PDB file of N, CA and C in Angstrom:
ATOM      1  N   MET A   1     110.250 103.132  98.888  1.00  0.00           N
ATOM      2  CA  MET A   1     108.817 103.595  99.367  1.00  0.00           C
ATOM      3  C   MET A   1     108.022 102.517  98.758  1.00  0.00           C
ATOM      4  N   PRO A   2     106.918 101.743  99.760  1.00  0.00           N
ATOM      5  CA  PRO A   2     106.170 100.812  99.210  1.00  0.00           C
ATOM      6  C   PRO A   2     104.978 101.277  98.285  1.00  0.00           C
ATOM      7  N   LEU A   3     104.610 100.352  97.445  1.00  0.00           N
ATOM      8  CA  LEU A   3     103.602 100.855  96.463  1.00  0.00           C
ATOM      9  C   LEU A   3     102.252 100.203  97.020  1.00  0.00           C
ATOM     10  N   LEU A   4     101.240 100.810  96.817  1.00  0.00           N
ATOM     11  CA  LEU A   4      99.994 100.250  97.294  1.00  0.00           C
ATOM     12  C   LEU A   4      99.011 100.411  96.312  1.00  0.00           C
ATOM     13  N   THR A   5      98.128  99.317  96.137  1.00  0.00           N
ATOM     14  CA  THR A   5      96.775  99.429  95.320  1.00  0.00           C
ATOM     15  C   THR A   5      95.722  99.621  96.178  1.00  0.00           C
ATOM     16  N   VAL A   6      94.803 100.767  95.642  1.00  0.00           N
ATOM     17  CA  VAL A   6      93.613 100.867  96.377  1.00  0.00           C
ATOM     18  C   VAL A   6      92.475 101.193  95.586  1.00  0.00           C
ATOM     19  N   ARG A   7      91.321 100.790  96.018  1.00  0.00           N
ATOM     20  CA  ARG A   7      89.964 101.068  95.476  1.00  0.00           C
ATOM     21  C   ARG A   7      89.525 102.427  95.647  1.00  0.00           C
ATOM     22  N   LEU A   8      89.268 103.206  94.696  1.00  0.00           N
ATOM     23  CA  LEU A   8      88.905 104.758  94.700  1.00  0.00           C
ATOM     24  C   LEU A   8      87.505 104.911  94.017  1.00  0.00           C
ATOM     25  N   PRO A   9      87.197 106.096  93.978  1.00  0.00           N
ATOM     26  CA  PRO A   9      85.973 106.316  92.979  1.00  0.00           C
ATOM     27  C   PRO A   9      86.598 106.539  91.621  1.00  0.00           C
ATOM     28  N   ARG A  10      85.813 106.149  90.616  1.00  0.00           N
ATOM     29  CA  ARG A  10      86.299 106.473  89.247  1.00  0.00           C
ATOM     30  C   ARG A  10      86.546 107.912  89.063  1.00  0.00           C
ATOM     31  N   ASP A  11      87.690 108.088  88.351  1.00  0.00           N
ATOM     32  CA  ASP A  11      88.226 109.326  88.099  1.00  0.00           C
ATOM     33  C   ASP A  11      88.751 110.189  89.287  1.00  0.00           C
ATOM     34  N   ALA A  12      89.358 109.406  90.231  1.00  0.00           N
ATOM     35  CA  ALA A  12      89.721 109.966  91.413  1.00  0.00           C
ATOM     36  C   ALA A  12      91.040 110.670  91.161  1.00  0.00           C
ATOM     37  N   THR A  13      91.430 111.784  92.067  1.00  0.00           N
ATOM     38  CA  THR A  13      92.657 112.466  91.951  1.00  0.00           C
ATOM     39  C   THR A  13      93.578 112.036  93.250  1.00  0.00           C
ATOM     40  N   LEU A  14      94.776 112.613  93.113  1.00  0.00           N
ATOM     41  CA  LEU A  14      95.619 112.406  94.259  1.00  0.00           C
ATOM     42  C   LEU A  14      95.096 113.141  95.522  1.00  0.00           C
ATOM     43  N   GLU A  15      94.211 114.187  95.582  1.00  0.00           N
ATOM     44  CA  GLU A  15      93.640 114.818  96.467  1.00  0.00           C
ATOM     45  C   GLU A  15      92.612 113.845  97.036  1.00  0.00           C
ATOM     46  N   VAL A  16      91.788 113.280  96.277  1.00  0.00           N
ATOM     47  CA  VAL A  16      90.628 112.314  96.564  1.00  0.00           C
ATOM     48  C   VAL A  16      91.337 111.208  97.441  1.00  0.00           C
ATOM     49  N   ALA A  17      92.488 110.655  96.779  1.00  0.00           N
ATOM     50  CA  ALA A  17      93.213 109.633  97.374  1.00  0.00           C
ATOM     51  C   ALA A  17      93.721 109.896  98.981  1.00  0.00           C
ATOM     52  N   LEU A  18      94.440 110.993  98.875  1.00  0.00           N
ATOM     53  CA  LEU A  18      94.846 111.497 100.289  1.00  0.00           C
ATOM     54  C   LEU A  18      93.740 111.625 101.343  1.00  0.00           C
ATOM     55  N   ARG A  19      92.679 112.264 101.052  1.00  0.00           N
ATOM     56  CA  ARG A  19      91.605 112.418 101.785  1.00  0.00           C
ATOM     57  C   ARG A  19      90.747 110.897 102.270  1.00  0.00           C
ATOM     58  N   THR A  20      90.562 110.260 101.411  1.00  0.00           N
ATOM     59  CA  THR A  20      90.125 108.784 101.612  1.00  0.00           C
ATOM     60  C   THR A  20      90.981 108.077 102.492  1.00  0.00           C
ATOM     61  N   LEU A  21      92.150 108.070 102.031  1.00  0.00           N
ATOM     62  CA  LEU A  21      93.024 107.214 103.089  1.00  0.00           C
ATOM     63  C   LEU A  21      93.570 107.891 104.247  1.00  0.00           C
ATOM     64  N   GLY A  22      93.148 109.214 104.420  1.00  0.00           N
ATOM     65  CA  GLY A  22      93.619 109.997 105.590  1.00  0.00           C
ATOM     66  C   GLY A  22      95.147 110.049 105.783  1.00  0.00           C
ATOM     67  N   LEU A  23      95.740 110.365 104.439  1.00  0.00           N
ATOM     68  CA  LEU A  23      97.199 110.700 104.595  1.00  0.00           C
ATOM     69  C   LEU A  23      97.612 112.145 104.215  1.00  0.00           C
ATOM     70  N   PRO A  24      98.336 112.768 105.024  1.00  0.00           N
ATOM     71  CA  PRO A  24      99.145 113.947 104.634  1.00  0.00           C
ATOM     72  C   PRO A  24      99.945 113.577 103.322  1.00  0.00           C
ATOM     73  N   ALA A  25     100.092 114.749 102.623  1.00  0.00           N
ATOM     74  CA  ALA A  25     101.054 114.726 101.234  1.00  0.00           C
ATOM     75  C   ALA A  25     102.273 114.294 101.783  1.00  0.00           C
ATOM     76  N   SER A  26     102.909 114.703 102.761  1.00  0.00           N
ATOM     77  CA  SER A  26     104.198 114.270 103.164  1.00  0.00           C
ATOM     78  C   SER A  26     104.403 112.581 103.390  1.00  0.00           C
ATOM     79  N   ASP A  27     103.141 111.923 103.291  1.00  0.00           N
ATOM     80  CA  ASP A  27     103.346 110.358 103.344  1.00  0.00           C
ATOM     81  C   ASP A  27     103.302 109.954 102.105  1.00  0.00           C
ATOM     82  N   VAL A  28     103.243 110.648 100.986  1.00  0.00           N
ATOM     83  CA  VAL A  28     102.947 110.241  99.601  1.00  0.00           C
ATOM     84  C   VAL A  28     104.151 110.684  98.755  1.00  0.00           C
ATOM     85  N   ASP A  29     104.513 109.783  97.793  1.00  0.00           N
ATOM     86  CA  ASP A  29     105.354 110.355  96.787  1.00  0.00           C
ATOM     87  C   ASP A  29     104.487 111.166  95.756  1.00  0.00           C
ATOM     88  N   THR A  30     104.527 112.410  95.830  1.00  0.00           N
ATOM     89  CA  THR A  30     103.408 113.365  95.071  1.00  0.00           C
ATOM     90  C   THR A  30     104.038 113.481  93.488  1.00  0.00           C
ATOM     91  N   ALA A  31     105.463 113.248  93.520  1.00  0.00           N
ATOM     92  CA  ALA A  31     106.035 113.200  92.240  1.00  0.00           C
ATOM     93  C   ALA A  31     105.611 112.052  91.240  1.00  0.00           C
ATOM     94  N   TYR A  32     105.274 110.857  92.103  1.00  0.00           N
ATOM     95  CA  TYR A  32     105.046 109.496  91.436  1.00  0.00           C
ATOM     96  C   TYR A  32     103.512 109.787  91.139  1.00  0.00           C
ATOM     97  N   GLY A  33     102.874 110.463  91.988  1.00  0.00           N
ATOM     98  CA  GLY A  33     101.294 110.725  91.778  1.00  0.00           C
ATOM     99  C   GLY A  33     100.371 109.492  92.021  1.00  0.00           C
ATOM    100  N   LEU A  34      99.195 109.692  91.648  1.00  0.00           N
ATOM    101  CA  LEU A  34      98.148 108.671  91.714  1.00  0.00           C
ATOM    102  C   LEU A  34      97.920 107.986  90.271  1.00  0.00           C
ATOM    103  N   ILE A  35      98.335 106.640  90.201  1.00  0.00           N
ATOM    104  CA  ILE A  35      98.387 105.968  88.817  1.00  0.00           C
ATOM    105  C   ILE A  35      97.183 105.228  88.609  1.00  0.00           C
ATOM    106  N   ALA A  36      96.472 105.483  87.626  1.00  0.00           N
ATOM    107  CA  ALA A  36      95.216 104.821  87.301  1.00  0.00           C
ATOM    108  C   ALA A  36      95.390 103.357  86.785  1.00  0.00           C
ATOM    109  N   LEU A  37      95.360 102.292  87.368  1.00  0.00           N
ATOM    110  CA  LEU A  37      95.615 101.036  86.899  1.00  0.00           C
ATOM    111  C   LEU A  37      94.544 100.387  86.071  1.00  0.00           C
ATOM    112  N   ASP A  38      93.272 100.787  86.674  1.00  0.00           N
ATOM    113  CA  ASP A  38      91.857 100.096  86.017  1.00  0.00           C
ATOM    114  C   ASP A  38      90.906 101.312  86.421  1.00  0.00           C
ATOM    115  N   PRO A  39      90.761 102.308  85.942  1.00  0.00           N
ATOM    116  CA  PRO A  39      90.001 103.300  86.316  1.00  0.00           C
ATOM    117  C   PRO A  39      88.426 102.973  86.194  1.00  0.00           C
ATOM    118  N   GLU A  40      88.229 102.100  85.452  1.00  0.00           N
ATOM    119  CA  GLU A  40      86.795 101.483  85.205  1.00  0.00           C
ATOM    120  C   GLU A  40      86.304 100.772  86.490  1.00  0.00           C
ATOM    121  N   GLN A  41      87.436 100.179  87.163  1.00  0.00           N
ATOM    122  CA  GLN A  41      87.041  99.158  88.093  1.00  0.00           C
ATOM    123  C   GLN A  41      87.565 100.091  89.501  1.00  0.00           C
ATOM    124  N   GLY A  42      88.180 101.371  89.316  1.00  0.00           N
ATOM    125  CA  GLY A  42      88.463 101.994  90.527  1.00  0.00           C
ATOM    126  C   GLY A  42      89.743 101.625  91.101  1.00  0.00           C
ATOM    127  N   LEU A  43      90.610 100.940  90.422  1.00  0.00           N
ATOM    128  CA  LEU A  43      91.867 100.434  90.935  1.00  0.00           C
ATOM    129  C   LEU A  43      93.012 101.414  90.643  1.00  0.00           C
ATOM    130  N   TYR A  44      93.813 101.899  91.672  1.00  0.00           N
ATOM    131  CA  TYR A  44      94.829 102.802  91.580  1.00  0.00           C
ATOM    132  C   TYR A  44      95.956 102.560  92.233  1.00  0.00           C
ATOM    133  N   ALA A  45      97.289 102.987  91.904  1.00  0.00           N
ATOM    134  CA  ALA A  45      98.514 102.643  92.615  1.00  0.00           C
ATOM    135  C   ALA A  45      99.009 104.175  93.188  1.00  0.00           C
ATOM    136  N   LEU A  46      99.621 104.043  94.357  1.00  0.00           N
ATOM    137  CA  LEU A  46     100.283 105.048  94.998  1.00  0.00           C
ATOM    138  C   LEU A  46     101.416 104.646  95.799  1.00  0.00           C
ATOM    139  N   ARG A  47     102.502 105.396  95.815  1.00  0.00           N
ATOM    140  CA  ARG A  47     103.748 105.120  96.583  1.00  0.00           C
ATOM    141  C   ARG A  47     103.578 106.158  97.785  1.00  0.00           C
ATOM    142  N   VAL A  48     103.777 105.297  98.950  1.00  0.00           N
ATOM    143  CA  VAL A  48     103.681 105.990 100.201  1.00  0.00           C
ATOM    144  C   VAL A  48     104.887 105.602 101.157  1.00  0.00           C
ATOM    145  N   THR A  49     105.002 106.174 102.251  1.00  0.00           N
ATOM    146  CA  THR A  49     106.084 106.054 103.085  1.00  0.00           C
ATOM    147  C   THR A  49     105.983 104.692 103.786  1.00  0.00           C
ATOM    148  N   ASP A  50     107.007 104.204 104.426  1.00  0.00           N
ATOM    149  CA  ASP A  50     106.906 102.859 105.213  1.00  0.00           C
ATOM    150  C   ASP A  50     106.022 102.841 106.313  1.00  0.00           C
ATOM    151  N   SER A  51     105.957 103.982 106.976  1.00  0.00           N
ATOM    152  CA  SER A  51     105.086 104.340 108.098  1.00  0.00           C
ATOM    153  C   SER A  51     103.593 104.439 107.650  1.00  0.00           C
ATOM    154  N   ALA A  52     103.359 104.920 106.537  1.00  0.00           N
ATOM    155  CA  ALA A  52     102.055 105.014 106.045  1.00  0.00           C
ATOM    156  C   ALA A  52     101.480 103.664 105.734  1.00  0.00           C
ATOM    157  N   ALA A  53     102.356 103.011 104.978  1.00  0.00           N
ATOM    158  CA  ALA A  53     102.086 101.564 104.670  1.00  0.00           C
ATOM    159  C   ALA A  53     101.668 100.679 105.747  1.00  0.00           C
ATOM    160  N   THR A  54     102.509 101.001 106.898  1.00  0.00           N
ATOM    161  CA  THR A  54     102.314 100.183 108.288  1.00  0.00           C
ATOM    162  C   THR A  54     101.000 100.476 108.724  1.00  0.00           C
ATOM    163  N   ARG A  55     100.651 101.782 108.783  1.00  0.00           N
ATOM    164  CA  ARG A  55      99.395 102.228 109.395  1.00  0.00           C
ATOM    165  C   ARG A  55      98.086 101.741 108.591  1.00  0.00           C
ATOM    166  N   LEU A  56      98.326 101.816 107.281  1.00  0.00           N
ATOM    167  CA  LEU A  56      97.109 101.222 106.543  1.00  0.00           C
ATOM    168  C   LEU A  56      96.808  99.774 106.488  1.00  0.00           C
ATOM    169  N   THR A  57      98.120  99.097 106.581  1.00  0.00           N
ATOM    170  CA  THR A  57      97.976  97.548 106.704  1.00  0.00           C
ATOM    171  C   THR A  57      97.359  97.204 108.122  1.00  0.00           C
ATOM    172  N   ALA A  58      97.699  98.067 109.090  1.00  0.00           N
ATOM    173  CA  ALA A  58      97.189  97.769 110.567  1.00  0.00           C
ATOM    174  C   ALA A  58      95.933  97.962 110.605  1.00  0.00           C
ATOM    175  N   ALA A  59      95.333  98.906 109.705  1.00  0.00           N
ATOM    176  CA  ALA A  59      93.800  99.156 109.749  1.00  0.00           C
ATOM    177  C   ALA A  59      93.012  98.215 109.277  1.00  0.00           C
ATOM    178  N   ALA A  60      93.768  97.344 108.276  1.00  0.00           N
ATOM    179  CA  ALA A  60      93.178  95.998 107.696  1.00  0.00           C
ATOM    180  C   ALA A  60      92.035  96.442 106.791  1.00  0.00           C
ATOM    181  N   GLU A  61      92.292  97.648 105.975  1.00  0.00           N
ATOM    182  CA  GLU A  61      91.513  97.964 104.963  1.00  0.00           C
ATOM    183  C   GLU A  61      91.388  96.909 103.861  1.00  0.00           C
ATOM    184  N   PRO A  62      90.196  96.404 103.349  1.00  0.00           N
ATOM    185  CA  PRO A  62      89.982  95.274 102.399  1.00  0.00           C
ATOM    186  C   PRO A  62      90.367  95.824 101.095  1.00  0.00           C
ATOM    187  N   ASP A  63      90.335  97.115 100.789  1.00  0.00           N
ATOM    188  CA  ASP A  63      90.542  97.669  99.423  1.00  0.00           C
ATOM    189  C   ASP A  63      91.957  98.103  99.227  1.00  0.00           C
ATOM    190  N   ILE A  64      92.884  97.784 100.087  1.00  0.00           N
ATOM    191  CA  ILE A  64      94.309  98.277 100.106  1.00  0.00           C
ATOM    192  C   ILE A  64      95.142  97.029 100.064  1.00  0.00           C
ATOM    193  N   THR A  65      96.129  97.121  99.184  1.00  0.00           N
ATOM    194  CA  THR A  65      97.211  96.013  99.149  1.00  0.00           C
ATOM    195  C   THR A  65      98.495  96.572  99.148  1.00  0.00           C
ATOM    196  N   VAL A  66      99.367  96.357 100.019  1.00  0.00           N
ATOM    197  CA  VAL A  66     100.793  96.920  99.812  1.00  0.00           C
ATOM    198  C   VAL A  66     101.697  96.020  99.098  1.00  0.00           C
ATOM    199  N   PHE A  67     102.470  96.515  98.309  1.00  0.00           N
ATOM    200  CA  PHE A  67     103.673  95.809  97.619  1.00  0.00           C
ATOM    201  C   PHE A  67     104.951  96.491  97.993  1.00  0.00           C
ATOM    202  N   ALA A  68     105.990  95.634  97.780  1.00  0.00           N
ATOM    203  CA  ALA A  68     107.512  96.204  97.746  1.00  0.00           C
ATOM    204  C   ALA A  68     107.656  96.931  96.540  1.00  0.00           C
ATOM    205  N   ASP A  69     108.333  97.917  96.609  1.00  0.00           N
ATOM    206  CA  ASP A  69     108.782  98.813  95.146  1.00  0.00           C
ATOM    207  C   ASP A  69     110.142  99.014  95.416  1.00  0.00           C
ATOM    208  N   PRO A  70     111.098  97.930  95.243  1.00  0.00           N
ATOM    209  CA  PRO A  70     112.592  98.211  95.431  1.00  0.00           C
ATOM    210  C   PRO A  70     113.221  98.896  94.301  1.00  0.00           C
ATOM    211  N   ARG A  71     114.155  99.957  94.734  1.00  0.00           N
ATOM    212  CA  ARG A  71     114.966 100.802  93.725  1.00  0.00           C
ATOM    213  C   ARG A  71     115.667  99.832  92.860  1.00  0.00           C
ATOM    214  N   ILE A  72     115.634 100.081  91.661  1.00  0.00           N
ATOM    215  CA  ILE A  72     116.404  99.222  90.679  1.00  0.00           C
ATOM    216  C   ILE A  72     117.543 100.091  90.261  1.00  0.00           C
ATOM    217  N   GLU A  73     118.761  99.294  90.567  1.00  0.00           N
ATOM    218  CA  GLU A  73     119.987 100.142  90.322  1.00  0.00           C
ATOM    219  C   GLU A  73     120.899  99.355  89.269  1.00  0.00           C
ATOM    220  N   THR A  74     121.825 100.016  88.678  1.00  0.00           N
ATOM    221  CA  THR A  74     122.672  99.211  87.871  1.00  0.00           C
ATOM    222  C   THR A  74     123.686  98.097  88.573  1.00  0.00           C
ATOM    223  N   SER A  75     124.150  97.163  87.860  1.00  0.00           N
ATOM    224  CA  SER A  75     124.842  96.198  88.414  1.00  0.00           C
ATOM    225  C   SER A  75     126.362  96.748  89.031  1.00  0.00           C
ATOM    226  N   GLY A  76     126.883  97.756  88.775  1.00  0.00           N
ATOM    227  CA  GLY A  76     127.869  98.431  88.983  1.00  0.00           C
ATOM    228  C   GLY A  76     129.037  98.291  87.986  1.00  0.00           C
ATOM    229  N   GLU A  77     128.696  97.421  87.048  1.00  0.00           N
ATOM    230  CA  GLU A  77     129.632  97.057  85.956  1.00  0.00           C
ATOM    231  C   GLU A  77     129.849  98.621  85.036  1.00  0.00           C
ATOM    232  N   ASP A  78     131.219  98.848  84.795  1.00  0.00           N
ATOM    233  CA  ASP A  78     131.510  99.944  84.120  1.00  0.00           C
ATOM    234  C   ASP A  78     131.017  99.576  82.654  1.00  0.00           C
ATOM    235  N   GLU A  79     130.451 100.607  81.972  1.00  0.00           N
ATOM    236  CA  GLU A  79     130.101 100.374  80.541  1.00  0.00           C
ATOM    237  C   GLU A  79     131.429 100.076  79.614  1.00  0.00           C
ATOM    238  N   GLN A  80     132.430 100.406  79.958  1.00  0.00           N
ATOM    239  CA  GLN A  80     133.698 100.196  79.139  1.00  0.00           C
ATOM    240  C   GLN A  80     133.990  98.595  79.213  1.00  0.00           C
ATOM    241  N   ASP A  81     133.562  98.045  80.125  1.00  0.00           N
ATOM    242  CA  ASP A  81     133.857  96.416  80.329  1.00  0.00           C
ATOM    243  C   ASP A  81     132.803  95.671  79.619  1.00  0.00           C
ATOM    244  N   GLN A  82     131.835  96.286  79.131  1.00  0.00           N
ATOM    245  CA  GLN A  82     130.797  95.496  78.295  1.00  0.00           C
ATOM    246  C   GLN A  82     131.355  95.248  76.920  1.00  0.00           C
ATOM    247  N   PRO A  83     130.871  94.108  76.419  1.00  0.00           N
ATOM    248  CA  PRO A  83     131.200  93.855  74.997  1.00  0.00           C
ATOM    249  C   PRO A  83     130.283  94.718  73.986  1.00  0.00           C
ATOM    250  N   ARG A  84     130.836  95.181  73.050  1.00  0.00           N
ATOM    251  CA  ARG A  84     130.112  95.929  72.004  1.00  0.00           C
ATOM    252  C   ARG A  84     129.269  94.963  70.983  1.00  0.00           C
ATOM    253  N   GLN A  85     128.150  95.501  70.645  1.00  0.00           N
ATOM    254  CA  GLN A  85     127.477  94.490  69.861  1.00  0.00           C
ATOM    255  C   GLN A  85     127.375  95.001  68.534  1.00  0.00           C
TER     256      GLN A  85
END
């Protein structure tokens, strides 16, 4: 899921973000929630579906920036193969 930053009113909630962005809850990672990056400046982060990110960037909203948020996984090496420290 892409991660976006958005400018919202100070002390915004997930509900406020959904309403402001015109997104249904199904387009958002509600477990991740709305993360306050700089609440004094109204800067928040939110994970959204690919289709929601596409719609928001197509609308060319100046207060929205979309970033990749790739899943981080193990290298696949077995812990037994790792040297002990």
